[in-house]
Protein backbone atom coordinates (compact mmCIF):
# COMPACT_ATOMS: atom_id res chain seq x y z
CA MET A 1 -70.16 55.10 -61.84
CA LYS A 2 -72.22 54.40 -64.87
CA PRO A 3 -71.94 56.23 -67.99
CA ASN A 4 -76.09 58.20 -68.01
CA ALA A 5 -77.16 59.23 -71.26
CA LEU A 6 -79.55 62.32 -70.12
CA THR A 7 -75.93 63.96 -67.99
CA ALA A 8 -74.32 63.29 -71.61
CA GLN A 9 -76.72 64.77 -73.64
CA LYS A 10 -76.47 68.16 -71.42
CA ALA A 11 -72.39 67.69 -71.01
CA ILE A 12 -71.85 67.91 -74.65
CA LYS A 13 -74.66 70.49 -76.08
CA ALA A 14 -73.26 72.53 -72.93
CA ASN A 15 -69.08 71.72 -74.98
CA ALA A 16 -70.52 72.17 -78.41
CA LYS A 17 -69.05 75.30 -79.01
CA HIS A 18 -65.93 74.20 -77.64
CA SER A 19 -65.84 71.22 -79.59
CA ASN A 20 -63.29 71.80 -82.27
CA ASN A 21 -59.63 72.74 -81.97
CA ILE A 22 -60.10 73.03 -78.50
CA VAL A 23 -56.97 74.77 -76.44
CA PHE A 24 -57.00 75.19 -72.86
CA ASP A 25 -54.22 76.75 -70.51
CA ASN A 26 -54.17 76.78 -66.62
CA SER A 27 -54.85 80.97 -66.92
CA THR A 28 -58.29 79.97 -68.06
CA ALA A 29 -58.56 77.26 -65.89
CA LYS A 30 -60.88 75.68 -68.27
CA THR A 31 -61.38 71.52 -68.01
CA PHE A 32 -62.65 68.13 -70.49
CA ASN A 33 -65.68 67.34 -69.07
CA GLN A 34 -67.06 63.68 -68.19
CA TYR A 35 -68.97 63.23 -71.56
CA THR A 36 -66.41 66.18 -74.09
CA PRO A 37 -66.50 64.37 -77.54
CA ALA A 38 -63.28 62.58 -77.98
CA TYR A 39 -60.52 62.72 -80.39
CA VAL A 40 -60.70 60.42 -83.68
CA VAL A 41 -57.01 60.55 -83.97
CA SER A 42 -54.23 60.80 -81.89
CA ASN A 43 -52.91 64.61 -82.85
CA GLU A 44 -49.64 63.89 -81.65
CA ASN A 45 -46.75 61.71 -82.35
CA VAL A 46 -47.34 59.01 -80.29
CA HIS A 47 -44.94 56.63 -82.34
CA ASP A 48 -42.16 58.50 -81.42
CA VAL A 49 -42.55 59.10 -77.82
CA VAL A 50 -43.27 55.42 -76.89
CA GLN A 51 -40.80 53.67 -79.06
CA ARG A 52 -37.89 56.26 -77.71
CA PHE A 53 -38.88 56.26 -73.96
CA MET A 54 -40.86 53.36 -73.35
CA PRO A 55 -38.59 50.67 -71.47
CA LYS A 56 -38.00 47.55 -73.36
CA TYR A 57 -39.00 45.43 -70.76
CA ALA A 58 -42.21 47.56 -70.09
CA SER A 59 -45.01 45.31 -68.86
CA SER A 60 -47.31 47.16 -67.08
CA VAL A 61 -48.71 50.70 -68.88
CA LEU A 62 -50.49 53.38 -67.39
CA THR A 63 -51.54 55.90 -70.18
CA VAL A 64 -54.25 58.48 -70.83
CA ALA A 65 -56.73 57.02 -73.17
CA ALA A 66 -57.69 60.07 -75.15
CA SER A 67 -58.69 58.49 -78.83
CA GLY A 68 -57.40 55.36 -78.40
CA ASP A 69 -54.41 55.63 -80.26
CA HIS A 70 -52.04 55.51 -76.94
CA PRO A 71 -53.16 52.09 -75.61
CA LEU A 72 -52.99 50.35 -78.98
CA ILE A 73 -49.24 52.00 -79.70
CA CYS A 74 -47.85 50.94 -76.33
CA ARG A 75 -49.35 47.57 -77.34
CA LEU A 76 -47.39 47.58 -80.50
CA ASN A 77 -44.30 47.96 -78.57
CA GLY A 78 -44.45 45.30 -76.23
CA ALA A 79 -46.96 46.45 -73.48
CA LYS A 80 -49.16 43.44 -71.37
CA ASN A 81 -51.36 45.55 -69.50
CA ILE A 82 -52.69 48.23 -70.31
CA THR A 83 -54.41 50.95 -67.83
CA THR A 84 -56.46 54.16 -69.86
CA PHE A 85 -57.71 57.10 -68.00
CA ASP A 86 -59.69 60.03 -69.12
CA ILE A 87 -62.15 62.12 -67.59
CA SER A 88 -64.38 61.76 -71.28
CA TYR A 89 -66.46 58.49 -71.52
CA ASN A 90 -66.62 59.13 -74.97
CA ALA A 91 -62.19 58.54 -75.03
CA LYS A 92 -63.07 55.51 -73.37
CA VAL A 93 -66.13 54.39 -76.19
CA ILE A 94 -63.04 55.38 -78.99
CA MET A 95 -60.73 53.07 -77.71
CA ASP A 96 -63.20 50.07 -77.66
CA VAL A 97 -64.60 50.93 -80.82
CA LYS A 98 -61.11 51.13 -82.44
CA ASN A 99 -60.35 48.28 -80.82
CA ALA A 100 -62.96 45.94 -81.94
CA ALA A 101 -62.80 47.02 -84.92
CA ILE A 102 -59.13 46.05 -85.51
CA HIS A 103 -60.13 42.70 -85.32
CA GLN A 104 -63.46 42.72 -87.89
CA LEU A 105 -62.30 45.45 -90.82
CA ASN A 106 -59.21 45.66 -92.91
CA ILE A 107 -57.22 49.17 -92.74
CA GLY A 108 -59.24 50.86 -95.46
CA GLU A 109 -62.24 50.52 -93.53
CA TYR A 110 -60.98 51.15 -90.75
CA SER A 111 -59.63 54.05 -92.14
CA GLN A 112 -63.15 54.96 -93.55
CA LEU A 113 -64.61 54.36 -89.78
CA LEU A 114 -62.84 56.77 -88.53
CA GLU A 115 -63.48 59.40 -91.28
CA ASN A 116 -67.11 58.85 -90.62
CA LEU A 117 -67.13 58.85 -86.75
CA TYR A 118 -65.23 62.07 -86.78
CA HIS A 119 -68.15 63.72 -89.04
CA THR A 120 -71.51 62.43 -87.64
CA GLN A 121 -73.95 62.71 -85.19
CA ASN A 122 -75.40 58.73 -85.68
CA VAL A 123 -72.40 56.32 -84.52
CA PRO A 124 -74.79 53.24 -84.31
CA SER A 125 -75.32 54.10 -88.63
CA VAL A 126 -72.19 54.44 -89.59
CA PRO A 127 -70.89 51.27 -91.58
CA HIS A 128 -69.22 48.53 -89.94
CA MET A 129 -70.71 49.60 -86.65
CA ASP A 130 -73.19 46.78 -86.91
CA GLN A 131 -70.23 44.18 -86.91
CA ILE A 132 -68.06 46.32 -84.15
CA VAL A 133 -71.02 46.98 -81.68
CA PRO A 134 -71.64 43.21 -80.71
CA ARG A 135 -68.21 42.88 -79.85
CA LEU A 136 -68.13 46.15 -77.26
CA LYS A 137 -69.26 45.52 -73.29
CA SER A 138 -72.73 45.65 -72.63
CA THR A 139 -72.48 49.41 -70.95
CA VAL A 140 -70.41 50.88 -74.03
CA ARG A 141 -72.97 49.23 -76.38
CA ARG A 142 -75.91 50.42 -74.26
CA TYR A 143 -74.53 54.06 -74.19
CA ILE A 144 -73.85 54.58 -77.94
CA GLN A 145 -77.80 53.67 -78.21
CA GLN A 146 -78.77 55.74 -75.89
CA THR A 147 -76.67 58.77 -77.30
CA ASN A 148 -77.20 58.55 -80.76
CA GLY A 149 -77.88 61.82 -82.65
CA MET A 150 -74.99 63.44 -80.42
CA ARG A 151 -71.61 64.32 -81.26
CA LEU A 152 -69.68 61.12 -79.38
CA PHE A 153 -66.09 62.17 -81.45
CA SER A 154 -65.37 65.68 -82.90
CA ASN A 155 -62.11 67.21 -80.93
CA GLY A 156 -59.66 67.85 -82.89
CA TYR A 157 -58.93 68.13 -87.12
CA GLY A 158 -60.25 65.65 -89.04
CA PRO A 159 -58.25 62.23 -89.54
CA GLN A 160 -57.00 62.95 -92.85
CA SER A 161 -54.76 65.53 -90.94
CA TYR A 162 -53.09 62.94 -88.73
CA ALA A 163 -51.55 61.05 -91.68
CA ARG A 164 -47.74 60.82 -90.46
CA TYR A 165 -49.46 59.76 -86.71
CA ALA A 166 -51.57 56.83 -88.33
CA ILE A 167 -50.99 53.17 -87.67
CA MET A 168 -49.46 52.09 -90.31
CA PRO A 169 -50.21 49.20 -92.62
CA SER A 170 -47.71 46.94 -91.30
CA GLU A 171 -48.98 47.93 -87.73
CA TYR A 172 -52.28 47.25 -88.38
CA THR A 173 -51.52 43.68 -89.15
CA LYS A 174 -49.78 43.42 -86.12
CA LEU A 175 -52.30 44.58 -84.03
CA GLN A 176 -54.65 42.38 -85.90
CA GLN A 177 -52.38 39.49 -84.69
CA MET A 178 -52.42 40.61 -81.13
CA GLU A 179 -54.88 38.98 -78.46
CA GLN A 180 -57.70 41.60 -78.26
CA LYS A 181 -57.45 42.05 -74.72
CA PRO A 182 -59.36 44.70 -73.42
CA PHE A 183 -57.83 48.09 -72.11
CA LYS A 184 -58.15 48.89 -68.26
CA PHE A 185 -60.32 52.24 -67.98
CA ILE A 186 -60.72 54.38 -65.06
CA TRP A 187 -63.32 57.34 -65.77
CA SER A 188 -61.31 60.04 -64.11
CA GLY A 189 -59.85 63.33 -64.33
CA ILE A 190 -55.87 62.97 -63.34
CA LYS A 191 -56.47 64.89 -60.13
CA ASP A 192 -58.77 62.33 -58.32
CA LEU A 193 -56.62 59.44 -60.03
CA ASP A 194 -57.18 56.74 -57.59
CA LEU A 195 -54.47 53.79 -58.88
CA HIS A 196 -55.04 52.12 -56.01
CA ASN A 197 -51.49 49.76 -55.27
CA ASN A 198 -51.00 49.26 -58.95
CA MET A 199 -47.23 49.79 -60.24
CA TYR A 200 -46.17 50.94 -63.51
CA ASP A 201 -43.02 50.45 -65.67
CA PHE A 202 -44.46 53.55 -68.09
CA VAL A 203 -46.68 56.24 -67.65
CA HIS A 204 -47.44 58.62 -70.53
CA LEU A 205 -49.54 61.41 -69.83
CA SER A 206 -49.86 63.34 -73.04
CA ASN A 207 -50.42 66.96 -72.39
CA VAL A 208 -53.44 66.29 -69.51
CA LEU A 209 -51.34 68.59 -66.99
CA ASP A 210 -51.58 71.51 -69.28
CA TYR A 211 -55.62 71.56 -68.66
CA VAL A 212 -55.61 71.45 -64.66
CA PRO A 213 -54.80 74.45 -62.38
CA TYR A 214 -51.01 75.32 -61.63
CA ASP A 215 -51.40 74.79 -58.10
CA ASP A 216 -52.87 71.22 -58.53
CA LEU A 217 -49.54 69.99 -60.69
CA THR A 218 -47.44 69.04 -57.40
CA PRO A 219 -49.65 66.63 -55.71
CA ILE A 220 -50.78 65.15 -59.20
CA ILE A 221 -47.09 64.46 -60.16
CA LYS A 222 -46.47 63.38 -56.30
CA ASN A 223 -49.08 60.49 -56.95
CA ILE A 224 -47.97 59.37 -59.98
CA GLN A 225 -44.82 59.08 -59.05
CA ASN A 226 -45.83 57.21 -56.10
CA HIS A 227 -47.27 54.13 -58.79
CA VAL A 228 -43.94 53.80 -60.80
CA ASN A 229 -41.57 50.94 -60.31
CA ILE A 230 -37.17 51.55 -60.59
CA GLY A 231 -36.37 51.94 -63.99
CA GLY A 232 -39.86 53.37 -64.95
CA ARG A 233 -40.35 56.35 -66.97
CA ILE A 234 -42.89 59.03 -66.90
CA VAL A 235 -43.82 61.05 -69.80
CA ILE A 236 -45.39 64.58 -69.90
CA LEU A 237 -46.24 66.45 -73.19
CA SER A 238 -46.07 70.51 -72.28
CA MET A 239 -48.00 72.40 -75.13
CA THR A 240 -49.47 75.35 -74.05
CA SER A 241 -48.59 75.95 -70.20
CA MET A 242 -45.31 77.58 -69.48
CA SER A 243 -46.05 77.30 -65.68
CA THR A 244 -46.56 73.44 -65.93
CA LYS A 245 -43.08 73.39 -67.57
CA ILE A 246 -41.56 75.56 -64.42
CA CYS A 247 -43.30 73.10 -62.33
CA LEU A 248 -42.23 70.18 -63.50
CA GLN A 249 -38.29 71.24 -63.86
CA TYR A 250 -39.30 72.54 -60.12
CA LEU A 251 -40.22 69.03 -58.79
CA ILE A 252 -37.78 67.23 -60.32
CA LYS A 253 -34.63 68.62 -58.38
CA ARG A 254 -36.52 67.93 -54.96
CA GLN A 255 -36.85 64.37 -56.45
CA ILE A 256 -33.67 62.21 -55.20
CA ASN A 257 -34.66 58.91 -56.35
CA TRP A 258 -35.30 60.64 -60.05
CA LYS A 259 -33.76 61.73 -62.88
CA MET A 260 -35.28 63.81 -66.23
CA LEU A 261 -34.56 62.59 -69.61
CA GLU A 262 -35.93 64.87 -71.68
CA SER A 263 -36.97 68.90 -70.27
CA GLY A 264 -39.01 71.34 -72.46
CA ARG A 265 -42.53 70.55 -74.34
CA LEU A 266 -41.53 67.03 -73.41
CA ASN A 267 -40.45 65.82 -70.37
CA VAL A 268 -39.64 62.36 -69.64
CA TRP A 269 -38.46 61.20 -65.47
CA GLU A 270 -36.69 57.96 -65.39
CA ARG A 271 -36.90 56.49 -61.48
CA ILE A 272 -33.66 55.85 -60.46
CA ARG A 273 -34.31 54.18 -57.00
């Protein structure tokens, strides 16, 4: 599947009235679509979750792409092979832009870039994008050019609201010194996520399950569990939906190969055999 600018235009326009501070739950069954504007900076404390729960030995990681902060922070904490997924192609775009920008810009320029991207509908014209675009894959470059004039990055709050979750100067320097290996990306919603025969040491689902219907939770979790190594962990946030928490707690009681390390808004499972 390749991004289609015409389809993107229709989807983004249809989604425009929901583009800021989106809140979904299972009662409304609303979902993000293939071209929903992406978050510019995560509104989650990804640092804390990854540092506390990603196994120290973890090499292979599966995480939602989201704003691109999730895979970057997993890389900071030692993950070598990082696969991302997201229903929105714009999540891949912001992820790839950040990955390229870190190796081109100082942290002040990087922060300003995020601020500019949040406010603009003309992504190619943003200062420093001329340095970043040539470092992107041709499909992403073409998509950015074809969707010029459309708001690709507008969900959540402005970047200034995320200061405590942002990458710190020392971390930014560390990322600059690391290999700029592209993050793998699966363009898919979690319900249709096909992981083939891949296995992971750490799976970070963020709060994705709050955006899917209740009846889909069990098959989704079972699919993910089949791709976690022994000793590996799954992290799921449940920000809005009580039904998600209930389902997760019910599932864990029926899974003899798993133990729950944390339960509540933050749910952490570990595969024990």
